Amino acid sequence: MEAYAVLETGGKQMLVRAGDKIEIEKLSVEENEEVVLDTVCAISDGTTLKVGAPYVEGAKVTLTIIAPNKKGPKVINFKAKRRKGERRKVGHRQQYTVATVKAIA
């Protein structure tokens, strides 16, 4: 097995391996910048697994930013009350940061 880590960012946890392309909640960074995240919940080198409570001490995941400000699909929220003429339509596009996992340490 290859090394992997469970990373927490933006209130969500995701399983990542070196070389993976991931979409995470928007970070205020520039393109081609390297970001080191230390909020690693679990890490494995292929044979042993370390699980943190809540995070593993000294574990880091290095990301290279590909697209700092990507928009997701538009989601429409429409509400109406029958026979009242009350209508509400709201659209939302979530912003993401696209990154590549460079190293797990």
N, C-alpha and C. Protein backbone atom coordinates (compact mmCIF):
# COMPACT_ATOMS: atom_id res chain seq x y z
N MET A 1 0.84 -1.20 0.00
CA MET A 1 0.00 0.00 0.00
C MET A 1 0.87 1.24 0.00
N GLU A 2 0.30 2.31 -0.53
CA GLU A 2 1.03 3.56 -0.55
C GLU A 2 0.60 4.45 0.62
N ALA A 3 1.37 5.49 0.87
CA ALA A 3 1.10 6.39 1.98
C ALA A 3 -0.14 7.23 1.70
N TYR A 4 -0.92 7.49 2.75
CA TYR A 4 -2.08 8.34 2.61
C TYR A 4 -2.29 9.09 3.92
N ALA A 5 -3.15 10.11 3.87
CA ALA A 5 -3.47 10.89 5.05
C ALA A 5 -4.93 11.31 4.99
N VAL A 6 -5.53 11.48 6.16
CA VAL A 6 -6.87 12.04 6.26
C VAL A 6 -6.68 13.48 6.73
N LEU A 7 -7.07 14.41 5.86
CA LEU A 7 -6.80 15.83 6.05
C LEU A 7 -8.10 16.55 6.38
N GLU A 8 -8.06 17.50 7.31
CA GLU A 8 -9.23 18.30 7.62
C GLU A 8 -8.98 19.74 7.20
N THR A 9 -9.86 20.25 6.35
CA THR A 9 -9.78 21.65 5.93
C THR A 9 -11.18 22.12 5.54
N GLY A 10 -11.52 23.32 5.93
CA GLY A 10 -12.83 23.87 5.60
C GLY A 10 -13.97 23.15 6.29
N GLY A 11 -13.70 22.50 7.43
CA GLY A 11 -14.74 21.78 8.14
C GLY A 11 -15.06 20.42 7.56
N LYS A 12 -14.26 19.98 6.59
CA LYS A 12 -14.48 18.68 5.95
C LYS A 12 -13.22 17.84 6.04
N GLN A 13 -13.38 16.53 6.06
CA GLN A 13 -12.24 15.62 6.06
C GLN A 13 -12.17 14.90 4.73
N MET A 14 -10.94 14.71 4.21
CA MET A 14 -10.78 13.98 2.96
C MET A 14 -9.53 13.13 3.00
N LEU A 15 -9.61 12.01 2.30
CA LEU A 15 -8.49 11.09 2.18
C LEU A 15 -7.65 11.52 0.99
N VAL A 16 -6.34 11.74 1.20
CA VAL A 16 -5.47 12.20 0.12
C VAL A 16 -4.23 11.31 0.04
N ARG A 17 -3.71 11.20 -1.18
CA ARG A 17 -2.45 10.51 -1.44
C ARG A 17 -1.56 11.46 -2.20
N ALA A 18 -0.26 11.22 -2.23
CA ALA A 18 0.66 12.07 -2.96
C ALA A 18 0.31 12.04 -4.45
N GLY A 19 0.22 13.22 -5.06
CA GLY A 19 -0.12 13.33 -6.47
C GLY A 19 -1.59 13.54 -6.74
N ASP A 20 -2.45 13.46 -5.73
CA ASP A 20 -3.88 13.66 -5.93
C ASP A 20 -4.21 15.12 -6.21
N LYS A 21 -5.21 15.34 -7.03
CA LYS A 21 -5.73 16.68 -7.31
C LYS A 21 -7.02 16.82 -6.51
N ILE A 22 -7.08 17.81 -5.62
CA ILE A 22 -8.23 17.95 -4.73
C ILE A 22 -8.84 19.34 -4.84
N GLU A 23 -10.13 19.44 -4.52
CA GLU A 23 -10.83 20.71 -4.42
C GLU A 23 -11.18 20.90 -2.95
N ILE A 24 -10.69 22.01 -2.38
CA ILE A 24 -10.95 22.31 -0.98
C ILE A 24 -11.62 23.67 -0.88
N GLU A 25 -12.13 23.99 0.29
CA GLU A 25 -12.74 25.29 0.50
C GLU A 25 -11.73 26.39 0.20
N LYS A 26 -12.20 27.54 -0.23
CA LYS A 26 -11.34 28.61 -0.71
C LYS A 26 -10.32 29.05 0.35
N LEU A 27 -9.06 29.11 -0.07
CA LEU A 27 -7.98 29.62 0.75
C LEU A 27 -7.49 30.92 0.12
N SER A 28 -7.02 31.86 0.92
CA SER A 28 -6.50 33.12 0.38
C SER A 28 -5.01 32.94 0.08
N VAL A 29 -4.73 32.36 -1.09
CA VAL A 29 -3.36 32.08 -1.54
C VAL A 29 -3.23 32.44 -3.01
N GLU A 30 -2.01 32.45 -3.51
CA GLU A 30 -1.74 32.73 -4.92
C GLU A 30 -1.50 31.43 -5.68
N GLU A 31 -1.55 31.51 -7.01
CA GLU A 31 -1.30 30.35 -7.85
C GLU A 31 0.16 29.93 -7.76
N ASN A 32 0.42 28.63 -7.84
CA ASN A 32 1.75 28.00 -7.75
C ASN A 32 2.41 28.18 -6.38
N GLU A 33 1.66 28.58 -5.40
CA GLU A 33 2.19 28.73 -4.04
C GLU A 33 2.08 27.39 -3.33
N GLU A 34 2.99 27.13 -2.41
CA GLU A 34 2.94 25.91 -1.62
C GLU A 34 2.34 26.21 -0.25
N VAL A 35 1.43 25.35 0.17
CA VAL A 35 0.75 25.51 1.45
C VAL A 35 0.99 24.25 2.26
N VAL A 36 1.34 24.42 3.53
CA VAL A 36 1.55 23.28 4.43
C VAL A 36 0.39 23.26 5.43
N LEU A 37 -0.36 22.15 5.43
CA LEU A 37 -1.47 21.99 6.36
C LEU A 37 -1.08 20.97 7.43
N ASP A 38 -1.30 21.33 8.69
CA ASP A 38 -0.94 20.43 9.78
C ASP A 38 -2.17 19.86 10.49
N THR A 39 -3.35 20.06 9.92
CA THR A 39 -4.57 19.51 10.50
C THR A 39 -4.81 18.12 9.91
N VAL A 40 -3.93 17.19 10.25
CA VAL A 40 -3.98 15.82 9.75
C VAL A 40 -4.61 14.94 10.84
N CYS A 41 -5.74 14.32 10.52
CA CYS A 41 -6.46 13.48 11.50
C CYS A 41 -5.87 12.08 11.60
N ALA A 42 -5.36 11.56 10.47
CA ALA A 42 -4.77 10.22 10.46
C ALA A 42 -3.73 10.19 9.35
N ILE A 43 -2.69 9.38 9.55
CA ILE A 43 -1.63 9.28 8.54
C ILE A 43 -1.12 7.84 8.52
N SER A 44 -0.83 7.35 7.32
CA SER A 44 -0.31 6.00 7.16
C SER A 44 0.85 6.03 6.18
N ASP A 45 1.90 5.27 6.49
CA ASP A 45 3.04 5.18 5.58
C ASP A 45 2.94 3.93 4.69
N GLY A 46 1.82 3.25 4.73
CA GLY A 46 1.62 2.05 3.94
C GLY A 46 1.58 0.79 4.79
N THR A 47 2.20 0.84 5.97
CA THR A 47 2.21 -0.33 6.85
C THR A 47 1.59 -0.01 8.21
N THR A 48 1.88 1.16 8.76
CA THR A 48 1.34 1.52 10.07
C THR A 48 0.43 2.72 9.94
N LEU A 49 -0.55 2.79 10.82
CA LEU A 49 -1.52 3.87 10.83
C LEU A 49 -1.44 4.61 12.15
N LYS A 50 -1.35 5.95 12.08
CA LYS A 50 -1.39 6.79 13.28
C LYS A 50 -2.66 7.61 13.22
N VAL A 51 -3.43 7.56 14.30
CA VAL A 51 -4.68 8.31 14.38
C VAL A 51 -4.53 9.33 15.49
N GLY A 52 -4.86 10.58 15.18
CA GLY A 52 -4.72 11.66 16.17
C GLY A 52 -5.98 11.85 16.99
N ALA A 53 -5.82 12.61 18.05
CA ALA A 53 -6.95 12.95 18.90
C ALA A 53 -6.89 14.43 19.22
N PRO A 54 -7.32 15.36 18.43
CA PRO A 54 -7.94 15.19 17.12
C PRO A 54 -6.95 15.16 15.96
N TYR A 55 -5.72 15.67 16.15
CA TYR A 55 -4.75 15.71 15.05
C TYR A 55 -3.48 14.96 15.43
N VAL A 56 -2.77 14.46 14.42
CA VAL A 56 -1.50 13.76 14.62
C VAL A 56 -0.40 14.80 14.81
N GLU A 57 0.36 14.67 15.88
CA GLU A 57 1.44 15.62 16.16
C GLU A 57 2.57 15.47 15.15
N GLY A 58 3.01 16.58 14.57
CA GLY A 58 4.14 16.57 13.66
C GLY A 58 3.82 16.14 12.23
N ALA A 59 2.59 15.75 11.96
CA ALA A 59 2.22 15.33 10.60
C ALA A 59 1.86 16.55 9.77
N LYS A 60 2.32 16.57 8.52
CA LYS A 60 2.06 17.70 7.62
C LYS A 60 1.77 17.20 6.22
N VAL A 61 0.92 17.93 5.52
CA VAL A 61 0.63 17.66 4.11
C VAL A 61 0.95 18.93 3.34
N THR A 62 1.78 18.80 2.30
CA THR A 62 2.17 19.94 1.48
C THR A 62 1.34 19.94 0.20
N LEU A 63 0.72 21.09 -0.08
CA LEU A 63 -0.11 21.25 -1.27
C LEU A 63 0.50 22.30 -2.19
N THR A 64 0.37 22.10 -3.50
CA THR A 64 0.72 23.09 -4.49
C THR A 64 -0.57 23.59 -5.11
N ILE A 65 -0.79 24.90 -5.08
CA ILE A 65 -2.04 25.48 -5.54
C ILE A 65 -2.04 25.56 -7.07
N ILE A 66 -3.10 25.03 -7.69
CA ILE A 66 -3.25 25.07 -9.15
C ILE A 66 -4.15 26.24 -9.54
N ALA A 67 -5.34 26.30 -8.97
CA ALA A 67 -6.30 27.37 -9.24
C ALA A 67 -6.81 27.91 -7.91
N PRO A 68 -6.45 29.14 -7.54
CA PRO A 68 -6.83 29.64 -6.22
C PRO A 68 -8.30 30.04 -6.08
N ASN A 69 -8.99 30.29 -7.20
CA ASN A 69 -10.36 30.79 -7.10
C ASN A 69 -11.22 30.17 -8.19
N LYS A 70 -11.67 28.94 -7.97
CA LYS A 70 -12.53 28.25 -8.93
C LYS A 70 -13.95 28.24 -8.38
N LYS A 71 -14.92 28.43 -9.27
CA LYS A 71 -16.31 28.44 -8.85
C LYS A 71 -16.98 27.11 -9.19
N GLY A 72 -17.78 26.63 -8.27
CA GLY A 72 -18.52 25.40 -8.47
C GLY A 72 -19.79 25.65 -9.27
N PRO A 73 -20.62 24.64 -9.44
CA PRO A 73 -21.87 24.81 -10.20
C PRO A 73 -22.87 25.68 -9.44
N LYS A 74 -23.74 26.34 -10.18
CA LYS A 74 -24.74 27.20 -9.56
C LYS A 74 -25.87 26.34 -8.99
N VAL A 75 -26.22 26.64 -7.76
CA VAL A 75 -27.30 25.93 -7.08
C VAL A 75 -28.44 26.92 -6.89
N ILE A 76 -29.64 26.54 -7.32
CA ILE A 76 -30.81 27.42 -7.22
C ILE A 76 -31.68 26.96 -6.06
N ASN A 77 -32.07 27.89 -5.20
CA ASN A 77 -32.99 27.63 -4.11
C ASN A 77 -34.27 28.42 -4.40
N PHE A 78 -35.36 27.71 -4.64
CA PHE A 78 -36.63 28.35 -4.97
C PHE A 78 -37.68 27.91 -3.98
N LYS A 79 -38.33 28.89 -3.35
CA LYS A 79 -39.41 28.60 -2.42
C LYS A 79 -40.64 29.39 -2.84
N ALA A 80 -41.80 28.76 -2.70
CA ALA A 80 -43.05 29.44 -3.01
C ALA A 80 -44.14 28.94 -2.07
N LYS A 81 -45.04 29.84 -1.69
CA LYS A 81 -46.19 29.45 -0.89
C LYS A 81 -47.41 29.49 -1.81
N ARG A 82 -48.11 28.40 -1.87
CA ARG A 82 -49.23 28.33 -2.80
C ARG A 82 -50.36 29.28 -2.41
N ARG A 83 -50.96 29.83 -3.41
CA ARG A 83 -52.10 30.75 -3.30
C ARG A 83 -51.79 32.04 -2.57
N LYS A 84 -50.55 32.35 -2.29
CA LYS A 84 -50.20 33.57 -1.56
C LYS A 84 -49.42 34.56 -2.41
N GLY A 85 -48.88 34.10 -3.53
CA GLY A 85 -48.07 34.99 -4.37
C GLY A 85 -46.69 35.22 -3.81
N GLU A 86 -46.31 34.42 -2.82
CA GLU A 86 -45.00 34.59 -2.18
C GLU A 86 -44.00 33.66 -2.85
N ARG A 87 -42.94 34.26 -3.43
CA ARG A 87 -41.92 33.47 -4.12
C ARG A 87 -40.55 34.01 -3.74
N ARG A 88 -39.59 33.11 -3.70
CA ARG A 88 -38.22 33.52 -3.39
C ARG A 88 -37.26 32.65 -4.19
N LYS A 89 -36.34 33.28 -4.90
CA LYS A 89 -35.36 32.54 -5.70
C LYS A 89 -33.98 33.10 -5.37
N VAL A 90 -33.08 32.20 -4.94
CA VAL A 90 -31.72 32.59 -4.56
C VAL A 90 -30.76 31.64 -5.25
N GLY A 91 -29.72 32.18 -5.87
CA GLY A 91 -28.68 31.36 -6.49
C GLY A 91 -27.39 31.46 -5.69
N HIS A 92 -26.59 30.40 -5.75
CA HIS A 92 -25.32 30.39 -5.01
C HIS A 92 -24.28 29.59 -5.80
N ARG A 93 -23.04 30.12 -5.85
CA ARG A 93 -21.92 29.39 -6.43
C ARG A 93 -20.80 29.35 -5.40
N GLN A 94 -20.46 28.15 -4.95
CA GLN A 94 -19.41 27.98 -3.96
C GLN A 94 -18.04 28.18 -4.60
N GLN A 95 -17.13 28.83 -3.88
CA GLN A 95 -15.78 29.04 -4.39
C GLN A 95 -14.84 28.02 -3.78
N TYR A 96 -13.97 27.46 -4.65
CA TYR A 96 -13.04 26.42 -4.25
C TYR A 96 -11.62 26.82 -4.58
N THR A 97 -10.67 26.10 -3.99
CA THR A 97 -9.27 26.17 -4.36
C THR A 97 -8.87 24.79 -4.83
N VAL A 98 -8.28 24.71 -6.02
CA VAL A 98 -7.83 23.43 -6.56
C VAL A 98 -6.35 23.30 -6.26
N ALA A 99 -5.96 22.15 -5.70
CA ALA A 99 -4.56 21.95 -5.31
C ALA A 99 -4.14 20.51 -5.63
N THR A 100 -2.82 20.32 -5.71
CA THR A 100 -2.24 19.01 -5.88
C THR A 100 -1.46 18.66 -4.62
N VAL A 101 -1.60 17.43 -4.15
CA VAL A 101 -0.88 17.00 -2.95
C VAL A 101 0.56 16.68 -3.39
N LYS A 102 1.50 17.44 -2.83
CA LYS A 102 2.90 17.27 -3.20
C LYS A 102 3.59 16.23 -2.33
N ALA A 103 3.39 16.32 -1.01
CA ALA A 103 4.08 15.40 -0.11
C ALA A 103 3.26 15.19 1.15
N ILE A 104 3.41 14.01 1.73
CA ILE A 104 2.82 13.69 3.03
C ILE A 104 3.95 13.32 3.96
N ALA A 105 4.04 14.05 5.08
CA ALA A 105 5.12 13.78 6.03
C ALA A 105 4.61 13.76 7.46
